[in-house]
Amino acid sequence: MFTGIVEETGTVSAFTPEAAAWRLEIAAEVTRAGTAVGDSIAVNGCCLTVARFDGRTFGFDVLEETRRLTNFAALDRGAAVNLERSLRFDGKVGGHFVTGHIDGLGVVELIEPRGRDYFLRVRAPAGSGRYLIHKGSIAVDGISLTVAEVDGDSFAVWLIPHTLAATNLRAKRVGDGVNLEFDLLGKYVEKLLGTRSA
């Protein structure tokens, strides 16, 4: 479980196919501190298990399905990725509850400065607009954000300068893919109501 508050952006040092899985190596400092093999780290919002680490990087084994269903397919050496360690019971919950299980891949439709802030519009997968609620929460590449506008399967959020500076959104361009996780409570409510009406 995570909160969607990115601790740092790491840098992909390698992402290569191996016999059993893809091998993802990320250089980081903050999130590596106190981390052990077996711990969960959200990488662009996707929950991964630490498989190895050394003095500068930690590594993950990534399934082909995970690579195919997320924006990991576009990761190259040098790419910035958002990192967050899993929630501790004695820690802060500054965003919203994020599981690290990606619901789909969104596409950046617009990202532009408006005054001192930035405006980001994303097209979510077809049919997922039912999970988008004005003033509700959404995780975009693992970042807890508040939905400002909804138009069918598209939504918009406002980004403060700190969010751009502290995350990989500063490098996003129109057409780029972003990992989306819709609000967990909404998905449970939909499932429960569907079961009741059936």
Protein backbone atom coordinates (compact mmCIF):
# COMPACT_ATOMS: atom_id res chain seq x y z
CA MET A 1 0.00 0.00 0.00
CA PHE A 2 1.22 3.49 -0.91
CA THR A 3 0.02 7.08 -0.60
CA GLY A 4 0.89 8.53 -4.00
CA ILE A 5 3.40 10.97 -2.51
CA VAL A 6 6.54 10.53 -4.60
CA GLU A 7 9.72 10.47 -2.51
CA GLU A 8 12.15 10.97 -5.38
CA THR A 9 12.74 10.36 -9.04
CA GLY A 10 15.21 7.60 -9.73
CA THR A 11 17.07 6.98 -12.98
CA VAL A 12 16.83 3.79 -15.00
CA SER A 13 20.36 2.42 -15.34
CA ALA A 14 19.35 -0.77 -17.18
CA PHE A 15 16.21 -2.52 -18.39
CA THR A 16 17.06 -5.73 -20.17
CA PRO A 17 15.33 -9.03 -20.98
CA GLU A 18 16.62 -12.02 -19.03
CA ALA A 19 15.64 -15.70 -19.19
CA ALA A 20 13.04 -15.52 -16.40
CA ALA A 21 11.97 -11.86 -16.43
CA TRP A 22 12.96 -8.35 -17.45
CA ARG A 23 15.72 -6.95 -15.23
CA LEU A 24 15.11 -3.35 -14.17
CA GLU A 25 17.92 -1.50 -12.39
CA ILE A 26 17.28 1.95 -10.91
CA ALA A 27 19.75 4.40 -9.40
CA ALA A 28 18.27 6.17 -6.37
CA GLU A 29 19.25 7.54 -2.98
CA VAL A 30 16.30 8.37 -0.73
CA THR A 31 14.16 5.30 -1.41
CA ARG A 32 17.14 2.94 -1.18
CA ALA A 33 17.74 3.94 2.45
CA GLY A 34 16.46 1.27 4.82
CA THR A 35 15.28 -0.90 1.93
CA ALA A 36 15.79 -4.66 1.98
CA VAL A 37 15.35 -7.43 -0.55
CA GLY A 38 11.65 -8.34 -0.62
CA ASP A 39 10.39 -4.82 0.11
CA SER A 40 7.79 -3.20 -2.12
CA ILE A 41 8.57 -0.02 -4.05
CA ALA A 42 6.15 1.85 -6.31
CA VAL A 43 7.92 2.58 -9.61
CA ASN A 44 5.80 4.98 -11.69
CA GLY A 45 2.97 3.80 -9.47
CA CYS A 46 3.54 0.10 -10.16
CA CYS A 47 4.24 -2.04 -7.09
CA LEU A 48 7.49 -3.98 -7.60
CA THR A 49 9.52 -6.19 -5.25
CA VAL A 50 13.16 -5.37 -4.60
CA ALA A 51 15.16 -8.37 -5.85
CA ARG A 52 18.68 -7.01 -5.31
CA PHE A 53 20.54 -3.82 -4.47
CA ASP A 54 24.02 -2.45 -4.14
CA GLY A 55 25.54 0.83 -3.01
CA ARG A 56 23.91 2.91 -5.73
CA THR A 57 21.07 0.97 -7.39
CA PHE A 58 18.34 -1.47 -6.64
CA GLY A 59 16.93 -4.02 -9.02
CA PHE A 60 13.56 -5.54 -9.80
CA ASP A 61 12.36 -8.49 -11.85
CA VAL A 62 9.54 -7.32 -14.13
CA LEU A 63 7.08 -9.75 -15.70
CA GLU A 64 6.38 -9.46 -19.42
CA GLU A 65 2.71 -8.78 -18.58
CA THR A 66 3.68 -5.86 -16.34
CA ARG A 67 5.93 -4.42 -19.04
CA ARG A 68 3.19 -4.80 -21.66
CA LEU A 69 0.38 -3.25 -19.59
CA THR A 70 2.29 -0.24 -18.22
CA ASN A 71 4.50 2.53 -19.55
CA PHE A 72 7.51 0.36 -18.71
CA ALA A 73 7.51 -0.71 -22.37
CA ALA A 74 8.83 2.79 -23.18
CA LEU A 75 11.52 2.87 -20.46
CA ASP A 76 15.07 3.43 -21.67
CA ARG A 77 18.37 3.89 -19.87
CA GLY A 78 18.41 7.36 -18.30
CA ALA A 79 14.61 7.66 -17.95
CA ALA A 80 13.30 9.31 -14.80
CA VAL A 81 10.89 7.18 -12.75
CA ASN A 82 8.80 8.13 -9.73
CA LEU A 83 9.66 6.17 -6.57
CA GLU A 84 7.82 5.65 -3.29
CA ARG A 85 8.47 3.18 -0.49
CA SER A 86 5.47 1.30 0.89
CA LEU A 87 3.35 2.89 3.59
CA ARG A 88 4.46 2.39 7.18
CA PHE A 89 1.93 2.25 9.98
CA ASP A 90 3.84 4.99 11.81
CA GLY A 91 4.06 7.19 8.70
CA LYS A 92 2.03 9.99 7.16
CA VAL A 93 -0.80 9.55 4.69
CA GLY A 94 -0.50 12.70 2.65
CA GLY A 95 -2.20 11.57 -0.57
CA HIS A 96 -4.73 8.74 -0.85
CA PHE A 97 -4.54 4.96 -0.59
CA VAL A 98 -2.76 3.60 -3.67
CA THR A 99 -2.23 -0.15 -4.15
CA GLY A 100 0.39 -0.03 -6.89
CA HIS A 101 -1.80 -2.18 -9.16
CA ILE A 102 -2.10 -0.32 -12.45
CA ASP A 103 -5.60 -0.19 -13.96
CA GLY A 104 -4.55 1.00 -17.39
CA LEU A 105 -2.34 3.14 -19.54
CA GLY A 106 -3.38 6.74 -20.13
CA VAL A 107 -2.10 9.05 -22.86
CA VAL A 108 -1.10 12.67 -22.29
CA GLU A 109 -3.38 14.86 -24.42
CA LEU A 110 -2.19 18.25 -23.18
CA ILE A 111 0.40 19.59 -20.78
CA GLU A 112 0.96 23.32 -20.67
CA PRO A 113 1.71 26.19 -18.31
CA ARG A 114 -1.25 28.27 -17.23
CA GLY A 115 -0.08 31.13 -15.09
CA ARG A 116 2.30 29.76 -12.47
CA ASP A 117 0.81 26.27 -12.57
CA TYR A 118 0.63 23.50 -15.17
CA PHE A 119 -2.47 21.92 -16.66
CA LEU A 120 -2.38 18.23 -17.57
CA ARG A 121 -5.09 16.43 -19.53
CA VAL A 122 -4.98 12.64 -19.94
CA ARG A 123 -7.12 10.24 -21.96
CA ALA A 124 -7.81 7.12 -19.91
CA PRO A 125 -8.63 3.74 -21.48
CA ALA A 126 -12.04 3.49 -23.15
CA GLY A 127 -14.88 2.95 -20.68
CA SER A 128 -12.92 3.98 -17.60
CA GLY A 129 -14.58 7.38 -17.29
CA ARG A 130 -16.96 5.85 -14.75
CA TYR A 131 -14.08 5.90 -12.24
CA LEU A 132 -13.31 9.59 -12.79
CA ILE A 133 -14.97 11.92 -10.31
CA HIS A 134 -14.59 15.69 -10.17
CA LYS A 135 -12.49 16.47 -7.08
CA GLY A 136 -11.82 12.74 -6.65
CA SER A 137 -8.40 11.12 -6.43
CA ILE A 138 -6.34 9.44 -9.14
CA ALA A 139 -2.76 8.17 -9.26
CA VAL A 140 -0.85 9.19 -12.41
CA ASP A 141 2.53 7.44 -12.63
CA GLY A 142 2.13 6.87 -8.90
CA ILE A 143 1.41 10.53 -8.07
CA SER A 144 -1.69 11.22 -5.98
CA LEU A 145 -3.58 13.97 -7.82
CA THR A 146 -7.00 15.59 -7.61
CA VAL A 147 -9.24 15.40 -10.67
CA ALA A 148 -10.14 18.95 -11.76
CA GLU A 149 -12.18 18.18 -14.90
CA VAL A 150 -13.84 15.11 -16.41
CA ASP A 151 -14.93 14.74 -20.04
CA GLY A 152 -15.93 11.16 -20.84
CA ASP A 153 -12.78 9.09 -20.57
CA SER A 154 -10.51 12.15 -20.36
CA PHE A 155 -9.64 14.02 -17.19
CA ALA A 156 -7.53 16.99 -16.22
CA VAL A 157 -5.45 17.85 -13.18
CA TRP A 158 -3.57 20.95 -12.08
CA LEU A 159 0.09 20.59 -11.17
CA ILE A 160 1.84 22.87 -8.72
CA PRO A 161 5.50 23.74 -9.44
CA HIS A 162 6.66 21.37 -6.68
CA THR A 163 4.96 18.39 -8.34
CA LEU A 164 6.71 19.11 -11.62
CA ALA A 165 10.06 19.56 -9.91
CA ALA A 166 9.77 16.43 -7.73
CA THR A 167 8.35 13.95 -10.27
CA ASN A 168 8.87 12.68 -13.81
CA LEU A 169 5.92 14.73 -15.11
CA ARG A 170 8.40 17.48 -15.96
CA ALA A 171 9.59 15.32 -18.88
CA LYS A 172 6.15 14.28 -20.20
CA ARG A 173 5.02 15.35 -23.66
CA VAL A 174 1.79 14.99 -25.62
CA GLY A 175 1.39 11.35 -26.66
CA ASP A 176 3.40 9.92 -23.75
CA GLY A 177 1.92 7.06 -21.75
CA VAL A 178 1.21 7.34 -18.02
CA ASN A 179 0.26 4.58 -15.59
CA LEU A 180 -3.19 5.10 -14.07
CA GLU A 181 -4.66 3.72 -10.88
CA PHE A 182 -8.23 4.73 -10.17
CA ASP A 183 -9.53 5.27 -6.65
CA LEU A 184 -9.73 1.97 -4.78
CA LEU A 185 -12.96 2.83 -2.95
CA GLY A 186 -14.79 3.55 -6.20
CA LYS A 187 -13.81 0.18 -7.64
CA TYR A 188 -15.05 -1.64 -4.53
CA VAL A 189 -18.33 0.28 -4.52
CA GLU A 190 -18.90 -0.60 -8.19
CA LYS A 191 -18.23 -4.29 -7.50
CA LEU A 192 -20.52 -4.40 -4.46
CA LEU A 193 -23.37 -2.59 -6.21
CA GLY A 194 -23.01 -4.84 -9.24
CA THR A 195 -23.20 -7.93 -7.04
CA ARG A 196 -26.24 -6.60 -5.19
CA SER A 197 -28.16 -5.75 -8.38
CA ALA A 198 -27.36 -9.16 -9.89
